[in-house]
Amino acid sequence: EVGSTALTMAEYFRDVNKQDVLLFIDNIFRFVQAGSEVSALLGRMPSAVGYQPTLGTEMGSLQERITSTKEGSITSIQAVYVPADDLTDPAPATTSAHLDATTVPSRGLAAKGIYPAVDPLDSTSTMLQPWIVGEEHYETAQGVKQTLQRYKELQDIIAIPGLDELSEEDRLTVARARKIERFLSQPLFVAEVFTGSPGKYVSLSETIKGFQMILS
């Protein structure tokens, strides 16, 4: 099928031409759907949510071929459809297990007019380790995520009784989290089409310092 054919071509350029290959897959969910349809035609008993029982094996056989060798490399950027926005659905969950990083859009942030509407709690990266990005970057990122996670946990209280029912510490957390949301919606080049504001480059070191000022 299409997925295996594209990957075989990428392997040819990597192994024979000794090149570095960038492979785009849109959408990996179609690979899952195709496997599900074939499985149904073969009369196999479906697993959870109607997916084929061999979902994990099929996904692994494709994803594990996307790798580097001494001759070259294959790097893949994949679009992943998430049924009903449920990240625990077997299809996106099985896919994300093989990905080095994920960027998860948020309808809630888009509704607030915050762009790029990327959820920092659901998005992940295996590169976010202290021995890779440095201790300062790592600790700052963890502090931001902890603040946003606590803010998320307080949403129900904020929505009904209101901020007055929160402790002083929680009110401070909410204030910091809202500043972080706005800070993440700075005039980025990728968001120009949504915000109408021209993009502006900000260095990584400045970004880290900005987050530290909000958290302190």
Foldseek 3Di string as FASTA:
>chain_A
DVLVVQLVVCVCCCPVVLEAEEAEAPAVVVVQVVQLVVQVVVVADADPPSGRPCSLVSLCVRLVSQAADPSYGYHYDHHYDDVVLDCPPPRNVSNVVSDQWDWAADPVLVVVVFPPRTDLQPTDHVQLDCVRPNDLQNVLSVLLNVLLVLLVVCVVVCVPVRPVPDDPVNNLSNVLNVVVSVLNRAQACVCCVRPVDHHDDDDPVRSSVVSVVSSD
